[in-house]
Amino acid sequence: MGIQDIIEGKKQWRAHMARVKALPPDYQIVYKEIQRYIFKVGPIDLLDGPLLSGIIDFFEEGVGAGKGVLELIGNDVAAFCDDLVKDSRTYADIYQESISGGPGTAEK
């Protein structure tokens, strides 16, 4: 990864966060909780995929329709996040494999 890639990545991230800051306060709070959860547990290819920007798109549509954030995602943010990443390989999967001797781990 070169310096230009880093600079471009920062520009994209700042533009992404500007979209978050344009959302109503309740949406911002829920987005930050989703982001925290996904960064902790989420898919390995998070940075390469459209997951976070897709959430912003979804939220912007909800704001446009006049819906509250909990009307869109329900009361359980973690369950919503789990549904988003259910078909993706996550860091939690890698950890489970490492402690159980699953695929991709060496026998000790």
C-alpha atoms as a PDB file:
ATOM      1  CA  MET A   1       0.000   0.000   0.000  1.00  0.00           C
ATOM      2  CA  GLY A   2       1.544   3.241  -1.130  1.00  0.00           C
ATOM      3  CA  ILE A   3       1.195   6.723   0.253  1.00  0.00           C
ATOM      4  CA  GLN A   4      -1.357   7.638  -2.428  1.00  0.00           C
ATOM      5  CA  ASP A   5      -3.528   4.703  -1.370  1.00  0.00           C
ATOM      6  CA  ILE A   6      -3.380   5.847   2.239  1.00  0.00           C
ATOM      7  CA  ILE A   7      -4.292   9.414   1.293  1.00  0.00           C
ATOM      8  CA  GLU A   8      -7.176   8.224  -0.884  1.00  0.00           C
ATOM      9  CA  GLY A   9      -8.397   5.934   1.889  1.00  0.00           C
ATOM     10  CA  LYS A  10      -8.413   8.823   4.359  1.00  0.00           C
ATOM     11  CA  LYS A  11     -10.356  11.006   1.915  1.00  0.00           C
ATOM     12  CA  GLN A  12     -12.939   8.282   1.464  1.00  0.00           C
ATOM     13  CA  TRP A  13     -13.209   7.735   5.218  1.00  0.00           C
ATOM     14  CA  ARG A  14     -13.678  11.469   5.870  1.00  0.00           C
ATOM     15  CA  ALA A  15     -16.394  11.644   3.199  1.00  0.00           C
ATOM     16  CA  HIS A  16     -18.050   8.600   4.777  1.00  0.00           C
ATOM     17  CA  MET A  17     -17.979  10.166   8.248  1.00  0.00           C
ATOM     18  CA  ALA A  18     -19.367  13.438   6.841  1.00  0.00           C
ATOM     19  CA  ARG A  19     -22.384  11.447   5.638  1.00  0.00           C
ATOM     20  CA  VAL A  20     -22.768  10.013   9.149  1.00  0.00           C
ATOM     21  CA  LYS A  21     -22.634  13.485  10.704  1.00  0.00           C
ATOM     22  CA  ALA A  22     -25.384  14.642   8.333  1.00  0.00           C
ATOM     23  CA  LEU A  23     -27.781  12.070   9.807  1.00  0.00           C
ATOM     24  CA  PRO A  24     -30.153  12.933  12.678  1.00  0.00           C
ATOM     25  CA  PRO A  25     -28.674  12.391  16.178  1.00  0.00           C
ATOM     26  CA  ASP A  26     -30.530   9.125  16.889  1.00  0.00           C
ATOM     27  CA  TYR A  27     -29.271   7.643  13.614  1.00  0.00           C
ATOM     28  CA  GLN A  28     -25.723   8.758  14.446  1.00  0.00           C
ATOM     29  CA  ILE A  29     -25.837   7.047  17.831  1.00  0.00           C
ATOM     30  CA  VAL A  30     -27.086   3.782  16.358  1.00  0.00           C
ATOM     31  CA  TYR A  31     -24.584   3.966  13.481  1.00  0.00           C
ATOM     32  CA  LYS A  32     -21.698   4.377  15.933  1.00  0.00           C
ATOM     33  CA  GLU A  33     -22.910   1.354  17.896  1.00  0.00           C
ATOM     34  CA  ILE A  34     -23.161  -0.669  14.680  1.00  0.00           C
ATOM     35  CA  GLN A  35     -19.709   0.480  13.642  1.00  0.00           C
ATOM     36  CA  ARG A  36     -18.237  -0.443  17.040  1.00  0.00           C
ATOM     37  CA  TYR A  37     -19.861  -3.883  16.925  1.00  0.00           C
ATOM     38  CA  ILE A  38     -18.807  -4.588  13.353  1.00  0.00           C
ATOM     39  CA  PHE A  39     -15.217  -3.444  13.934  1.00  0.00           C
ATOM     40  CA  LYS A  40     -15.019  -5.764  16.922  1.00  0.00           C
ATOM     41  CA  VAL A  41     -16.736  -8.840  15.500  1.00  0.00           C
ATOM     42  CA  GLY A  42     -17.285  -8.086  11.860  1.00  0.00           C
ATOM     43  CA  PRO A  43     -16.207  -9.540   8.582  1.00  0.00           C
ATOM     44  CA  ILE A  44     -12.576  -9.844   7.596  1.00  0.00           C
ATOM     45  CA  ASP A  45     -13.189  -8.051   4.291  1.00  0.00           C
ATOM     46  CA  LEU A  46     -14.890  -5.083   5.966  1.00  0.00           C
ATOM     47  CA  LEU A  47     -12.640  -2.441   4.446  1.00  0.00           C
ATOM     48  CA  ASP A  48     -12.884  -3.936   0.951  1.00  0.00           C
ATOM     49  CA  GLY A  49     -16.654  -4.288   0.981  1.00  0.00           C
ATOM     50  CA  PRO A  50     -19.614  -1.931   0.813  1.00  0.00           C
ATOM     51  CA  LEU A  51     -21.086  -2.834   4.219  1.00  0.00           C
ATOM     52  CA  LEU A  52     -20.649   0.453   6.084  1.00  0.00           C
ATOM     53  CA  SER A  53     -21.578   2.670   3.140  1.00  0.00           C
ATOM     54  CA  GLY A  54     -24.592   0.431   2.534  1.00  0.00           C
ATOM     55  CA  ILE A  55     -25.736   1.062   6.100  1.00  0.00           C
ATOM     56  CA  ILE A  56     -25.446   4.811   5.517  1.00  0.00           C
ATOM     57  CA  ASP A  57     -27.482   4.472   2.299  1.00  0.00           C
ATOM     58  CA  PHE A  58     -30.117   2.497   4.215  1.00  0.00           C
ATOM     59  CA  PHE A  59     -30.224   5.102   6.978  1.00  0.00           C
ATOM     60  CA  GLU A  60     -30.458   7.997   4.513  1.00  0.00           C
ATOM     61  CA  GLU A  61     -33.437   6.305   2.873  1.00  0.00           C
ATOM     62  CA  GLY A  62     -35.048   5.860   6.308  1.00  0.00           C
ATOM     63  CA  VAL A  63     -34.535   9.543   7.113  1.00  0.00           C
ATOM     64  CA  GLY A  64     -36.058  10.467   3.749  1.00  0.00           C
ATOM     65  CA  ALA A  65     -39.074   8.284   4.498  1.00  0.00           C
ATOM     66  CA  GLY A  66     -39.481   9.931   7.909  1.00  0.00           C
ATOM     67  CA  LYS A  67     -38.861   6.724   9.869  1.00  0.00           C
ATOM     68  CA  GLY A  68     -37.078   6.434  13.182  1.00  0.00           C
ATOM     69  CA  VAL A  69     -33.902   4.407  13.258  1.00  0.00           C
ATOM     70  CA  LEU A  70     -35.402   1.703  15.478  1.00  0.00           C
ATOM     71  CA  GLU A  71     -38.253   1.278  13.003  1.00  0.00           C
ATOM     72  CA  LEU A  72     -35.619   0.326  10.432  1.00  0.00           C
ATOM     73  CA  ILE A  73     -33.382  -1.980  12.425  1.00  0.00           C
ATOM     74  CA  GLY A  74     -35.465  -3.080  15.410  1.00  0.00           C
ATOM     75  CA  ASN A  75     -34.594  -2.796  19.086  1.00  0.00           C
ATOM     76  CA  ASP A  76     -31.593  -5.145  19.056  1.00  0.00           C
ATOM     77  CA  VAL A  77     -28.606  -3.546  17.342  1.00  0.00           C
ATOM     78  CA  ALA A  78     -26.431  -6.644  17.834  1.00  0.00           C
ATOM     79  CA  ALA A  79     -29.009  -8.903  16.158  1.00  0.00           C
ATOM     80  CA  PHE A  80     -29.218  -6.461  13.246  1.00  0.00           C
ATOM     81  CA  CYS A  81     -25.420  -6.560  12.907  1.00  0.00           C
ATOM     82  CA  ASP A  82     -25.344 -10.350  13.151  1.00  0.00           C
ATOM     83  CA  ASP A  83     -27.808 -10.539  10.262  1.00  0.00           C
ATOM     84  CA  LEU A  84     -25.583  -8.233   8.204  1.00  0.00           C
ATOM     85  CA  VAL A  85     -22.478 -10.385   8.623  1.00  0.00           C
ATOM     86  CA  LYS A  86     -24.078 -13.840   8.861  1.00  0.00           C
ATOM     87  CA  ASP A  87     -22.659 -15.053   5.529  1.00  0.00           C
ATOM     88  CA  SER A  88     -19.211 -13.507   6.004  1.00  0.00           C
ATOM     89  CA  ARG A  89     -16.145 -14.959   7.632  1.00  0.00           C
ATOM     90  CA  THR A  90     -15.519 -12.963  10.811  1.00  0.00           C
ATOM     91  CA  TYR A  91     -12.684 -12.452  13.263  1.00  0.00           C
ATOM     92  CA  ALA A  92     -14.786 -14.383  15.780  1.00  0.00           C
ATOM     93  CA  ASP A  93     -14.748 -17.372  13.391  1.00  0.00           C
ATOM     94  CA  ILE A  94     -10.970 -17.220  13.149  1.00  0.00           C
ATOM     95  CA  TYR A  95     -10.676 -17.076  16.924  1.00  0.00           C
ATOM     96  CA  GLN A  96     -13.010 -20.061  17.367  1.00  0.00           C
ATOM     97  CA  GLU A  97     -10.993 -22.057  14.845  1.00  0.00           C
ATOM     98  CA  SER A  98      -7.749 -21.178  16.590  1.00  0.00           C
ATOM     99  CA  ILE A  99      -8.938 -22.414  19.992  1.00  0.00           C
ATOM    100  CA  SER A 100     -10.723 -25.504  18.683  1.00  0.00           C
ATOM    101  CA  GLY A 101      -8.084 -26.638  16.198  1.00  0.00           C
ATOM    102  CA  GLY A 102     -10.459 -26.067  13.280  1.00  0.00           C
ATOM    103  CA  PRO A 103      -9.610 -25.523   9.625  1.00  0.00           C
ATOM    104  CA  GLY A 104      -6.558 -23.412   8.928  1.00  0.00           C
ATOM    105  CA  THR A 105      -4.856 -24.076  12.247  1.00  0.00           C
ATOM    106  CA  ALA A 106      -1.789 -26.176  12.898  1.00  0.00           C
ATOM    107  CA  GLU A 107      -1.914 -29.112  15.284  1.00  0.00           C
ATOM    108  CA  LYS A 108       0.098 -28.567  18.458  1.00  0.00           C
END
